[in-house]
Each structure stands twice: as structure tokens, then as C-alpha cells.
């Protein structure tokens, strides 16, 4: 876990869960527990634990917050978040992908080979060699403009948005993945 320092640019995150009485497993007396929230960074998909104070206690799950407004912001792993935050993670990722459609459509337009035998598109669930080649051929003709455009032009690619959401969730939950497309990790240089 690393702690980020406040200040600098705005860092937007989606609130996954709010624990006004602190962690459930914390055995300290109630007056010693600090209220917490868990949030998902919309750019890098980091999961953060936020310490709430007087100016930030009125947030609710689903809210968008600026991480630089919190005193203590700590990156946490998927395994360390409470069940409430886990259950909201799917919805938060889907909402982020929908709200930034062009960014994620551009992934289909810009995806590159990783090795001679492996392409970034092959890392997406359900995309094999044939479907990958169809996507590559279609984007040569004209870049994709939306998820709907992708679905219409690439026969066999059903739900391109859900395919990305599934991959992002896999990257959030599995620490042992060799290749990451969306969820950055400290040890991986980008």
C-alpha cells in the first residue's frame, strides 16, 4: 500500500462504499474509529481507502470525488476492500466505461501487438484470432466511432463495452496477470 500526497492535479474517483463507523473488524472503541470511504480512480482504476473528516463526511456511494480533498488517501488491493465496495465495483467500472466511451472505443482503434504472437485485443474475453483480425481489418477501413458502431461492423463482437468491463474487473481482482491493459500497478512501467 502506498499513500498519496494531497496537492497537484485533480484526481477523480467514484465512491464505492462509505463506512461512517470505520472498518467492521476494527475492535477499537467507536470514538477512536475514523469514518472511511472506498473509491475507484476513473483514470488508472486504482482502489483507494479515504479517511473522511468534517468537510468530506457527506459523500455517498456513486458520488464522484476529488481525491486531493482528502487528508489520507491510501491505495488498497481488491482483497482489502469490504463486501459493500466489492458489490459496487461492477457498477462503478461499467459507469466509468459508459461515461468515457470514446476513450474505450479508442482502445479498439489503437490496440497494438504485445509480442509476435499476442495482440492486446486477444487479452479481451471472447476475442480470438479470427475476431481480432476482423476488428483490425475494420479499423483500417475507418476508425470506430462508438460501441454501437463496433457492434454493427464487427460480426461476432457482441457487447464490446461489457467485454472491456469484464477485462477491467479481471485486472482489478487478479494480481497475477502477466499483461495489464487498463489497471496500472506500481511494478508495471507504462
N, C-alpha and C. Protein backbone atom coordinates (compact mmCIF):
# COMPACT_ATOMS: atom_id res chain seq x y z
N UNK A 1 0.83 -1.18 0.00
CA UNK A 1 0.00 0.00 0.00
C UNK A 1 0.87 1.24 0.00
N UNK A 2 0.45 2.18 -0.79
CA UNK A 2 1.18 3.44 -0.81
C UNK A 2 0.24 4.57 -0.44
N UNK A 3 0.76 5.60 0.13
CA UNK A 3 -0.06 6.76 0.45
C UNK A 3 0.25 7.85 -0.55
N UNK A 4 -0.80 8.49 -1.06
CA UNK A 4 -0.58 9.58 -1.99
C UNK A 4 -0.63 10.89 -1.21
N UNK A 5 0.07 11.86 -1.70
CA UNK A 5 0.09 13.15 -1.04
C UNK A 5 -0.96 14.05 -1.66
N UNK A 6 -1.61 14.84 -0.84
CA UNK A 6 -2.59 15.79 -1.34
C UNK A 6 -1.87 16.90 -2.08
N UNK A 7 -2.56 17.45 -3.03
CA UNK A 7 -2.00 18.54 -3.81
C UNK A 7 -1.83 18.12 -5.24
N UNK A 8 -1.48 19.06 -6.10
CA UNK A 8 -1.28 18.74 -7.50
C UNK A 8 -2.59 18.75 -8.26
N UNK A 9 -2.64 17.95 -9.29
CA UNK A 9 -3.80 17.90 -10.17
C UNK A 9 -4.99 17.21 -9.51
N UNK A 10 -6.18 17.44 -10.10
CA UNK A 10 -7.39 16.79 -9.65
C UNK A 10 -7.33 15.31 -10.00
N UNK A 11 -7.72 14.48 -9.05
CA UNK A 11 -7.81 13.04 -9.28
C UNK A 11 -9.22 12.61 -8.96
N UNK A 12 -10.00 12.30 -9.98
CA UNK A 12 -11.40 11.95 -9.80
C UNK A 12 -11.56 10.46 -9.53
N UNK A 13 -12.44 10.15 -8.58
CA UNK A 13 -12.71 8.76 -8.25
C UNK A 13 -14.21 8.59 -7.99
N UNK A 14 -14.70 7.37 -8.23
CA UNK A 14 -16.09 7.02 -7.96
C UNK A 14 -16.16 6.33 -6.60
N UNK A 15 -17.03 6.82 -5.73
CA UNK A 15 -17.15 6.25 -4.39
C UNK A 15 -17.86 4.89 -4.49
N UNK A 16 -17.22 3.88 -3.89
CA UNK A 16 -17.76 2.52 -3.90
C UNK A 16 -18.54 2.20 -2.63
N UNK A 17 -18.08 2.72 -1.51
CA UNK A 17 -18.72 2.41 -0.23
C UNK A 17 -18.29 3.45 0.80
N UNK A 18 -19.17 3.72 1.75
CA UNK A 18 -18.87 4.64 2.84
C UNK A 18 -19.11 3.89 4.15
N UNK A 19 -18.12 3.93 5.02
CA UNK A 19 -18.23 3.30 6.34
C UNK A 19 -18.15 4.39 7.41
N UNK A 20 -19.29 4.96 7.80
CA UNK A 20 -19.28 6.08 8.75
C UNK A 20 -18.75 5.70 10.13
N UNK A 21 -18.75 4.40 10.45
CA UNK A 21 -18.28 3.94 11.75
C UNK A 21 -16.99 3.15 11.64
N UNK A 22 -16.24 3.36 10.57
CA UNK A 22 -14.96 2.69 10.39
C UNK A 22 -15.09 1.24 9.94
N UNK A 23 -13.96 0.56 9.91
CA UNK A 23 -13.94 -0.85 9.48
C UNK A 23 -14.71 -1.74 10.44
N UNK A 24 -15.48 -2.69 9.91
CA UNK A 24 -16.24 -3.59 10.79
C UNK A 24 -15.33 -4.43 11.70
N UNK A 25 -14.17 -4.82 11.27
CA UNK A 25 -13.27 -5.66 12.06
C UNK A 25 -12.41 -4.89 13.05
N UNK A 26 -12.55 -3.57 13.09
CA UNK A 26 -11.76 -2.73 13.99
C UNK A 26 -12.34 -2.85 15.41
N UNK A 27 -11.55 -3.37 16.35
CA UNK A 27 -12.03 -3.61 17.72
C UNK A 27 -11.88 -2.41 18.65
N UNK A 28 -11.38 -1.31 18.15
CA UNK A 28 -11.22 -0.12 18.99
C UNK A 28 -12.60 0.43 19.38
N UNK A 29 -12.66 1.21 20.46
CA UNK A 29 -13.93 1.85 20.82
C UNK A 29 -14.40 2.77 19.69
N UNK A 30 -15.71 2.94 19.59
CA UNK A 30 -16.32 3.70 18.49
C UNK A 30 -15.71 5.10 18.34
N UNK A 31 -15.44 5.79 19.42
CA UNK A 31 -14.92 7.16 19.34
C UNK A 31 -13.51 7.21 18.76
N UNK A 32 -12.81 6.08 18.70
CA UNK A 32 -11.46 6.05 18.15
C UNK A 32 -11.43 5.65 16.67
N UNK A 33 -12.54 5.17 16.16
CA UNK A 33 -12.59 4.75 14.75
C UNK A 33 -12.86 5.95 13.86
N UNK A 34 -12.12 6.04 12.75
CA UNK A 34 -12.35 7.13 11.82
C UNK A 34 -13.29 6.66 10.70
N UNK A 35 -14.21 7.54 10.27
CA UNK A 35 -15.08 7.18 9.15
C UNK A 35 -14.24 7.03 7.87
N UNK A 36 -14.59 6.04 7.06
CA UNK A 36 -13.83 5.73 5.84
C UNK A 36 -14.74 5.64 4.63
N UNK A 37 -14.13 5.77 3.47
CA UNK A 37 -14.82 5.50 2.21
C UNK A 37 -13.84 4.78 1.30
N UNK A 38 -14.38 4.05 0.34
CA UNK A 38 -13.57 3.38 -0.67
C UNK A 38 -13.98 3.93 -2.02
N UNK A 39 -12.99 4.20 -2.87
CA UNK A 39 -13.27 4.83 -4.15
C UNK A 39 -12.37 4.24 -5.24
N UNK A 40 -12.86 4.30 -6.47
CA UNK A 40 -12.15 3.78 -7.64
C UNK A 40 -11.74 4.94 -8.53
N UNK A 41 -10.43 5.08 -8.76
CA UNK A 41 -9.89 6.13 -9.63
C UNK A 41 -10.40 5.91 -11.05
N UNK A 42 -10.93 6.96 -11.70
CA UNK A 42 -11.52 6.79 -13.02
C UNK A 42 -10.50 6.72 -14.15
N UNK A 43 -9.27 7.13 -13.91
CA UNK A 43 -8.24 7.07 -14.95
C UNK A 43 -7.43 5.78 -14.92
N UNK A 44 -6.88 5.46 -13.76
CA UNK A 44 -5.95 4.33 -13.62
C UNK A 44 -6.58 3.11 -12.97
N UNK A 45 -7.82 3.24 -12.49
CA UNK A 45 -8.54 2.15 -11.83
C UNK A 45 -7.84 1.65 -10.56
N UNK A 46 -7.18 2.55 -9.85
CA UNK A 46 -6.67 2.22 -8.52
C UNK A 46 -7.86 2.22 -7.56
N UNK A 47 -7.80 1.39 -6.53
CA UNK A 47 -8.80 1.41 -5.47
C UNK A 47 -8.17 2.10 -4.27
N UNK A 48 -8.88 3.09 -3.71
CA UNK A 48 -8.35 3.86 -2.59
C UNK A 48 -9.25 3.77 -1.37
N UNK A 49 -8.61 3.82 -0.20
CA UNK A 49 -9.31 4.00 1.06
C UNK A 49 -9.13 5.46 1.45
N UNK A 50 -10.23 6.14 1.75
CA UNK A 50 -10.21 7.57 2.07
C UNK A 50 -10.61 7.76 3.53
N UNK A 51 -9.84 8.55 4.24
CA UNK A 51 -10.23 8.91 5.60
C UNK A 51 -11.12 10.14 5.51
N UNK A 52 -12.32 10.03 6.05
CA UNK A 52 -13.27 11.14 5.99
C UNK A 52 -13.09 12.05 7.19
N UNK A 53 -13.24 13.35 6.95
CA UNK A 53 -13.20 14.31 8.05
C UNK A 53 -14.42 15.21 7.94
N UNK A 54 -14.45 16.28 8.69
CA UNK A 54 -15.64 17.13 8.74
C UNK A 54 -16.10 17.63 7.38
N UNK A 55 -15.19 17.96 6.50
CA UNK A 55 -15.57 18.52 5.21
C UNK A 55 -15.95 17.47 4.16
N UNK A 56 -15.71 16.21 4.46
CA UNK A 56 -15.94 15.18 3.43
C UNK A 56 -16.88 14.08 3.88
N UNK A 57 -17.53 14.22 5.04
CA UNK A 57 -18.37 13.15 5.58
C UNK A 57 -19.69 12.97 4.85
N UNK A 58 -20.12 13.92 4.05
CA UNK A 58 -21.43 13.83 3.42
C UNK A 58 -21.41 13.16 2.04
N UNK A 59 -20.41 12.37 1.74
CA UNK A 59 -20.37 11.69 0.45
C UNK A 59 -21.15 10.37 0.54
N UNK A 60 -21.60 9.89 -0.62
CA UNK A 60 -22.36 8.64 -0.69
C UNK A 60 -21.83 7.81 -1.85
N UNK A 61 -22.13 6.51 -1.83
CA UNK A 61 -21.61 5.68 -2.91
C UNK A 61 -22.22 6.15 -4.23
N UNK A 62 -21.42 6.07 -5.27
CA UNK A 62 -21.83 6.55 -6.58
C UNK A 62 -21.36 7.97 -6.87
N UNK A 63 -21.05 8.74 -5.81
CA UNK A 63 -20.57 10.11 -5.99
C UNK A 63 -19.21 10.11 -6.69
N UNK A 64 -18.92 11.20 -7.39
CA UNK A 64 -17.58 11.45 -7.92
C UNK A 64 -16.91 12.43 -6.97
N UNK A 65 -15.68 12.10 -6.58
CA UNK A 65 -14.96 12.95 -5.64
C UNK A 65 -13.57 13.26 -6.18
N UNK A 66 -13.00 14.35 -5.67
CA UNK A 66 -11.62 14.71 -5.98
C UNK A 66 -10.76 14.16 -4.85
N UNK A 67 -9.89 13.23 -5.16
CA UNK A 67 -9.07 12.58 -4.13
C UNK A 67 -8.14 13.54 -3.41
N UNK A 68 -7.81 14.66 -4.05
CA UNK A 68 -6.90 15.62 -3.42
C UNK A 68 -7.56 16.36 -2.27
N UNK A 69 -8.89 16.20 -2.08
CA UNK A 69 -9.60 16.88 -1.00
C UNK A 69 -9.60 16.09 0.30
N UNK A 70 -8.97 14.93 0.30
CA UNK A 70 -8.98 14.08 1.48
C UNK A 70 -7.63 14.09 2.17
N UNK A 71 -7.65 14.02 3.49
CA UNK A 71 -6.41 14.05 4.26
C UNK A 71 -5.55 12.83 4.01
N UNK A 72 -6.12 11.65 4.18
CA UNK A 72 -5.36 10.42 3.99
C UNK A 72 -6.03 9.61 2.88
N UNK A 73 -5.25 9.33 1.85
CA UNK A 73 -5.71 8.53 0.71
C UNK A 73 -4.70 7.41 0.54
N UNK A 74 -5.15 6.17 0.73
CA UNK A 74 -4.26 5.02 0.68
C UNK A 74 -4.72 4.05 -0.39
N UNK A 75 -3.81 3.65 -1.26
CA UNK A 75 -4.15 2.64 -2.26
C UNK A 75 -4.30 1.29 -1.56
N UNK A 76 -5.36 0.55 -1.90
CA UNK A 76 -5.60 -0.77 -1.33
C UNK A 76 -5.83 -1.78 -2.45
N UNK A 77 -5.61 -3.03 -2.12
CA UNK A 77 -5.84 -4.13 -3.07
C UNK A 77 -7.30 -4.55 -3.01
N UNK A 78 -7.75 -5.23 -4.06
CA UNK A 78 -9.12 -5.72 -4.12
C UNK A 78 -9.49 -6.55 -2.89
N UNK A 79 -8.57 -7.41 -2.45
CA UNK A 79 -8.83 -8.29 -1.32
C UNK A 79 -9.09 -7.51 -0.03
N UNK A 80 -8.62 -6.28 0.04
CA UNK A 80 -8.71 -5.49 1.27
C UNK A 80 -9.95 -4.60 1.36
N UNK A 81 -10.80 -4.62 0.34
CA UNK A 81 -11.99 -3.76 0.39
C UNK A 81 -13.17 -4.54 0.97
N UNK A 82 -14.07 -3.84 1.67
CA UNK A 82 -15.22 -4.51 2.27
C UNK A 82 -16.21 -5.02 1.22
N UNK A 83 -17.09 -5.90 1.63
CA UNK A 83 -18.03 -6.53 0.69
C UNK A 83 -18.94 -5.51 0.00
N UNK A 84 -19.31 -4.44 0.69
CA UNK A 84 -20.15 -3.42 0.07
C UNK A 84 -19.46 -2.77 -1.12
N UNK A 85 -18.18 -2.48 -0.97
CA UNK A 85 -17.41 -1.87 -2.06
C UNK A 85 -17.24 -2.87 -3.20
N UNK A 86 -17.02 -4.14 -2.86
CA UNK A 86 -16.89 -5.18 -3.90
C UNK A 86 -18.15 -5.29 -4.74
N UNK A 87 -19.30 -5.23 -4.08
CA UNK A 87 -20.55 -5.38 -4.83
C UNK A 87 -20.82 -4.17 -5.73
N UNK A 88 -20.29 -3.02 -5.39
CA UNK A 88 -20.49 -1.83 -6.22
C UNK A 88 -19.45 -1.69 -7.33
N UNK A 89 -18.38 -2.45 -7.25
CA UNK A 89 -17.27 -2.32 -8.20
C UNK A 89 -17.71 -2.54 -9.65
N UNK A 90 -18.52 -3.57 -9.89
CA UNK A 90 -19.01 -3.86 -11.25
C UNK A 90 -19.74 -2.65 -11.83
N UNK A 91 -20.64 -2.07 -11.03
CA UNK A 91 -21.43 -0.93 -11.49
C UNK A 91 -20.55 0.29 -11.73
N UNK A 92 -19.59 0.51 -10.85
CA UNK A 92 -18.71 1.67 -10.99
C UNK A 92 -17.87 1.57 -12.26
N UNK A 93 -17.31 0.39 -12.52
CA UNK A 93 -16.49 0.21 -13.73
C UNK A 93 -17.35 0.40 -14.97
N UNK A 94 -18.55 -0.18 -14.98
CA UNK A 94 -19.44 -0.02 -16.13
C UNK A 94 -19.79 1.45 -16.36
N UNK A 95 -20.06 2.17 -15.29
CA UNK A 95 -20.40 3.59 -15.39
C UNK A 95 -19.22 4.40 -15.93
N UNK A 96 -18.01 4.08 -15.49
CA UNK A 96 -16.82 4.79 -15.97
C UNK A 96 -16.62 4.54 -17.46
N UNK A 97 -16.79 3.29 -17.89
CA UNK A 97 -16.63 2.96 -19.31
C UNK A 97 -17.69 3.68 -20.15
N UNK A 98 -18.93 3.69 -19.67
CA UNK A 98 -20.01 4.39 -20.39
C UNK A 98 -19.74 5.89 -20.48
N UNK A 99 -19.32 6.48 -19.38
CA UNK A 99 -19.10 7.93 -19.33
C UNK A 99 -17.90 8.36 -20.17
N UNK A 100 -16.98 7.44 -20.44
CA UNK A 100 -15.78 7.74 -21.22
C UNK A 100 -15.74 6.87 -22.47
N UNK A 101 -16.87 6.76 -23.15
CA UNK A 101 -17.00 5.84 -24.29
C UNK A 101 -15.89 6.02 -25.32
N UNK A 102 -15.60 7.26 -25.69
CA UNK A 102 -14.60 7.49 -26.74
C UNK A 102 -13.23 6.96 -26.32
N UNK A 103 -12.86 7.16 -25.09
CA UNK A 103 -11.58 6.64 -24.57
C UNK A 103 -11.49 5.12 -24.77
N UNK A 104 -12.57 4.42 -24.49
CA UNK A 104 -12.53 2.97 -24.57
C UNK A 104 -12.77 2.45 -25.99
N UNK A 105 -13.50 3.20 -26.80
CA UNK A 105 -13.62 2.85 -28.22
C UNK A 105 -12.25 3.03 -28.87
N UNK A 106 -11.52 4.06 -28.45
CA UNK A 106 -10.18 4.28 -28.99
C UNK A 106 -9.23 3.13 -28.65
N UNK A 107 -9.50 2.41 -27.56
CA UNK A 107 -8.69 1.23 -27.28
C UNK A 107 -8.81 0.25 -28.45
N UNK A 108 -10.03 0.02 -28.93
CA UNK A 108 -10.22 -0.87 -30.08
C UNK A 108 -9.53 -0.31 -31.32
N UNK A 109 -9.52 1.01 -31.47
CA UNK A 109 -8.87 1.65 -32.62
C UNK A 109 -7.35 1.62 -32.54
N UNK A 110 -6.81 1.67 -31.33
CA UNK A 110 -5.36 1.85 -31.16
C UNK A 110 -4.61 0.65 -30.62
N UNK A 111 -5.30 -0.43 -30.26
CA UNK A 111 -4.64 -1.59 -29.65
C UNK A 111 -3.53 -2.10 -30.57
N UNK A 112 -2.41 -2.50 -29.95
CA UNK A 112 -1.21 -2.91 -30.69
C UNK A 112 -0.78 -4.33 -30.31
N UNK A 113 0.10 -4.92 -31.12
CA UNK A 113 0.66 -6.22 -30.74
C UNK A 113 1.51 -6.09 -29.48
N UNK A 114 1.49 -7.14 -28.65
CA UNK A 114 2.33 -7.20 -27.46
C UNK A 114 3.60 -7.96 -27.81
N UNK A 115 3.42 -9.09 -28.49
CA UNK A 115 4.53 -9.90 -28.98
C UNK A 115 4.19 -10.29 -30.41
N UNK A 116 5.04 -11.08 -31.05
CA UNK A 116 4.74 -11.52 -32.41
C UNK A 116 3.48 -12.37 -32.48
N UNK A 117 3.16 -13.07 -31.40
CA UNK A 117 2.01 -13.97 -31.40
C UNK A 117 0.82 -13.46 -30.60
N UNK A 118 1.00 -12.42 -29.82
CA UNK A 118 -0.07 -11.94 -28.94
C UNK A 118 -0.37 -10.47 -29.19
N UNK A 119 -1.65 -10.16 -29.30
CA UNK A 119 -2.12 -8.80 -29.53
C UNK A 119 -2.92 -8.35 -28.31
N UNK A 120 -2.94 -7.05 -28.04
CA UNK A 120 -3.72 -6.53 -26.91
C UNK A 120 -5.19 -6.95 -27.00
N UNK A 121 -5.73 -6.98 -28.21
CA UNK A 121 -7.13 -7.36 -28.38
C UNK A 121 -7.39 -8.79 -27.91
N UNK A 122 -6.39 -9.67 -28.03
CA UNK A 122 -6.56 -11.06 -27.60
C UNK A 122 -6.69 -11.18 -26.08
N UNK A 123 -6.33 -10.16 -25.34
CA UNK A 123 -6.46 -10.21 -23.89
C UNK A 123 -7.90 -9.96 -23.43
N UNK A 124 -8.74 -9.47 -24.35
CA UNK A 124 -10.14 -9.23 -24.01
C UNK A 124 -10.90 -10.55 -24.05
N UNK A 125 -11.80 -10.78 -23.09
CA UNK A 125 -12.56 -12.03 -23.05
C UNK A 125 -13.34 -12.26 -24.35
N UNK A 126 -13.23 -13.46 -24.89
CA UNK A 126 -14.00 -13.84 -26.07
C UNK A 126 -13.41 -13.41 -27.40
N UNK A 127 -12.26 -12.75 -27.40
CA UNK A 127 -11.66 -12.32 -28.66
C UNK A 127 -10.48 -13.22 -28.99
N UNK A 128 -10.69 -14.03 -30.01
CA UNK A 128 -9.65 -14.91 -30.51
C UNK A 128 -9.03 -14.34 -31.76
N UNK A 129 -8.29 -15.17 -32.46
CA UNK A 129 -7.55 -14.73 -33.65
C UNK A 129 -8.49 -14.21 -34.75
N UNK A 130 -9.55 -14.93 -35.03
CA UNK A 130 -10.46 -14.55 -36.11
C UNK A 130 -11.15 -13.20 -35.83
N UNK A 131 -11.69 -13.05 -34.63
CA UNK A 131 -12.37 -11.81 -34.26
C UNK A 131 -11.38 -10.65 -34.20
N UNK A 132 -10.18 -10.90 -33.70
CA UNK A 132 -9.13 -9.87 -33.66
C UNK A 132 -8.83 -9.38 -35.07
N UNK A 133 -8.66 -10.31 -36.01
CA UNK A 133 -8.36 -9.93 -37.40
C UNK A 133 -9.50 -9.14 -38.03
N UNK A 134 -10.73 -9.48 -37.71
CA UNK A 134 -11.88 -8.74 -38.22
C UNK A 134 -11.86 -7.30 -37.68
N UNK A 135 -11.58 -7.16 -36.40
CA UNK A 135 -11.50 -5.81 -35.79
C UNK A 135 -10.39 -5.00 -36.46
N UNK A 136 -9.23 -5.62 -36.65
CA UNK A 136 -8.09 -4.93 -37.27
C UNK A 136 -8.41 -4.51 -38.71
N UNK A 137 -9.07 -5.39 -39.47
CA UNK A 137 -9.45 -5.06 -40.85
C UNK A 137 -10.44 -3.91 -40.89
N UNK A 138 -11.43 -3.95 -40.01
CA UNK A 138 -12.46 -2.91 -39.99
C UNK A 138 -11.89 -1.55 -39.57
N UNK A 139 -10.99 -1.54 -38.62
CA UNK A 139 -10.44 -0.25 -38.18
C UNK A 139 -9.50 0.35 -39.21
N UNK A 140 -8.93 -0.49 -40.10
CA UNK A 140 -8.12 0.04 -41.20
C UNK A 140 -9.00 0.81 -42.18
N UNK A 141 -10.20 0.31 -42.40
CA UNK A 141 -11.13 0.98 -43.32
C UNK A 141 -11.56 2.34 -42.77
N UNK A 142 -11.90 2.33 -41.49
CA UNK A 142 -12.38 3.55 -40.84
C UNK A 142 -12.37 3.33 -39.33
N UNK A 143 -11.83 4.28 -38.55
CA UNK A 143 -11.82 4.11 -37.09
C UNK A 143 -13.24 3.95 -36.54
N UNK A 144 -13.36 3.18 -35.48
CA UNK A 144 -14.66 3.01 -34.84
C UNK A 144 -15.04 4.28 -34.11
N UNK A 145 -16.33 4.62 -34.15
CA UNK A 145 -16.79 5.86 -33.54
C UNK A 145 -17.53 5.66 -32.23
N UNK A 146 -18.08 4.45 -32.01
CA UNK A 146 -18.84 4.18 -30.79
C UNK A 146 -18.91 2.67 -30.58
N UNK A 147 -19.40 2.27 -29.42
CA UNK A 147 -19.59 0.85 -29.16
C UNK A 147 -20.62 0.27 -30.13
N UNK A 148 -21.64 1.06 -30.43
CA UNK A 148 -22.67 0.63 -31.38
C UNK A 148 -22.06 0.41 -32.77
N UNK A 149 -21.20 1.31 -33.20
CA UNK A 149 -20.51 1.19 -34.48
C UNK A 149 -19.66 -0.08 -34.51
N UNK A 150 -18.96 -0.35 -33.43
CA UNK A 150 -18.15 -1.57 -33.31
C UNK A 150 -19.01 -2.81 -33.47
N UNK A 151 -20.13 -2.83 -32.75
CA UNK A 151 -21.01 -4.00 -32.78
C UNK A 151 -21.61 -4.22 -34.17
N UNK A 152 -21.94 -3.13 -34.86
CA UNK A 152 -22.53 -3.23 -36.20
C UNK A 152 -21.51 -3.71 -37.23
N UNK A 153 -20.29 -3.23 -37.14
CA UNK A 153 -19.28 -3.52 -38.17
C UNK A 153 -18.51 -4.80 -37.94
N UNK A 154 -18.45 -5.28 -36.70
CA UNK A 154 -17.68 -6.49 -36.40
C UNK A 154 -18.65 -7.60 -36.01
N UNK A 155 -18.95 -8.45 -36.97
CA UNK A 155 -19.84 -9.58 -36.74
C UNK A 155 -19.19 -10.52 -35.73
N UNK A 156 -19.95 -10.87 -34.70
CA UNK A 156 -19.42 -11.77 -33.68
C UNK A 156 -18.95 -11.05 -32.42
N UNK A 157 -18.77 -9.74 -32.50
CA UNK A 157 -18.37 -8.98 -31.31
C UNK A 157 -19.64 -8.44 -30.65
N UNK A 158 -20.13 -9.20 -29.72
CA UNK A 158 -21.33 -8.79 -29.01
C UNK A 158 -20.92 -8.07 -27.74
N UNK A 159 -21.53 -6.95 -27.48
CA UNK A 159 -21.28 -6.17 -26.27
C UNK A 159 -19.81 -5.78 -26.08
N UNK A 160 -19.25 -4.95 -26.96
CA UNK A 160 -17.85 -4.53 -26.79
C UNK A 160 -17.61 -3.79 -25.47
N UNK A 161 -18.62 -3.07 -24.98
CA UNK A 161 -18.48 -2.37 -23.70
C UNK A 161 -18.35 -3.38 -22.56
N UNK A 162 -19.22 -4.39 -22.53
CA UNK A 162 -19.19 -5.39 -21.47
C UNK A 162 -17.89 -6.19 -21.51
N UNK A 163 -17.35 -6.39 -22.71
CA UNK A 163 -16.08 -7.10 -22.85
C UNK A 163 -14.97 -6.33 -22.14
N UNK A 164 -14.95 -5.00 -22.30
CA UNK A 164 -13.95 -4.17 -21.62
C UNK A 164 -14.16 -4.16 -20.11
N UNK A 165 -15.42 -4.06 -19.69
CA UNK A 165 -15.74 -4.05 -18.27
C UNK A 165 -15.26 -5.35 -17.63
N UNK A 166 -15.50 -6.46 -18.30
CA UNK A 166 -15.08 -7.76 -17.79
C UNK A 166 -13.55 -7.83 -17.64
N UNK A 167 -12.83 -7.30 -18.63
CA UNK A 167 -11.36 -7.30 -18.56
C UNK A 167 -10.85 -6.41 -17.41
N UNK A 168 -11.44 -5.23 -17.25
CA UNK A 168 -11.03 -4.32 -16.19
C UNK A 168 -11.25 -4.97 -14.82
N UNK A 169 -12.40 -5.62 -14.64
CA UNK A 169 -12.69 -6.29 -13.38
C UNK A 169 -11.71 -7.43 -13.13
N UNK A 170 -11.36 -8.16 -14.17
CA UNK A 170 -10.37 -9.23 -14.04
C UNK A 170 -9.02 -8.66 -13.60
N UNK A 171 -8.62 -7.53 -14.18
CA UNK A 171 -7.35 -6.91 -13.80
C UNK A 171 -7.37 -6.39 -12.37
N UNK A 172 -8.53 -5.90 -11.92
CA UNK A 172 -8.65 -5.42 -10.54
C UNK A 172 -8.56 -6.56 -9.54
N UNK A 173 -9.12 -7.72 -9.89
CA UNK A 173 -9.24 -8.82 -8.94
C UNK A 173 -8.06 -9.78 -8.96
N UNK A 174 -7.32 -9.84 -10.06
CA UNK A 174 -6.25 -10.84 -10.19
C UNK A 174 -4.88 -10.15 -10.21
N UNK A 175 -4.12 -10.35 -9.14
CA UNK A 175 -2.79 -9.74 -9.04
C UNK A 175 -1.75 -10.42 -9.91
N UNK A 176 -2.02 -11.64 -10.36
CA UNK A 176 -1.02 -12.43 -11.07
C UNK A 176 -1.09 -12.35 -12.59
N UNK A 177 -1.85 -11.41 -13.13
CA UNK A 177 -1.92 -11.29 -14.59
C UNK A 177 -0.59 -10.79 -15.14
N UNK A 178 -0.16 -11.40 -16.22
CA UNK A 178 1.11 -11.01 -16.84
C UNK A 178 0.98 -9.66 -17.56
N UNK A 179 -0.13 -9.49 -18.28
CA UNK A 179 -0.34 -8.26 -19.05
C UNK A 179 -1.55 -7.51 -18.51
N UNK A 180 -1.39 -6.19 -18.39
CA UNK A 180 -2.49 -5.33 -17.94
C UNK A 180 -2.72 -4.25 -19.00
N UNK A 181 -3.98 -4.04 -19.30
CA UNK A 181 -4.34 -3.04 -20.31
C UNK A 181 -4.86 -1.75 -19.68
N UNK A 182 -5.57 -1.89 -18.56
CA UNK A 182 -6.28 -0.74 -18.00
C UNK A 182 -5.91 -0.41 -16.56
N UNK A 183 -5.64 -1.41 -15.75
CA UNK A 183 -5.35 -1.21 -14.33
C UNK A 183 -3.85 -1.19 -14.15
N UNK A 184 -3.31 -0.01 -13.87
CA UNK A 184 -1.87 0.13 -13.68
C UNK A 184 -1.47 -0.42 -12.33
N UNK A 185 -0.28 -0.92 -12.26
CA UNK A 185 0.31 -1.36 -10.99
C UNK A 185 1.67 -0.70 -10.87
N UNK A 186 2.11 -0.50 -9.64
CA UNK A 186 3.41 0.16 -9.39
C UNK A 186 4.57 -0.55 -10.08
N UNK A 187 4.58 -1.90 -10.04
CA UNK A 187 5.72 -2.62 -10.59
C UNK A 187 5.71 -2.65 -12.12
N UNK A 188 4.58 -2.26 -12.74
CA UNK A 188 4.49 -2.25 -14.20
C UNK A 188 4.75 -0.84 -14.69
N UNK A 189 5.72 -0.68 -15.55
CA UNK A 189 6.01 0.66 -16.07
C UNK A 189 5.18 0.89 -17.32
N UNK A 190 4.59 2.07 -17.42
CA UNK A 190 3.74 2.40 -18.57
C UNK A 190 4.31 3.56 -19.31
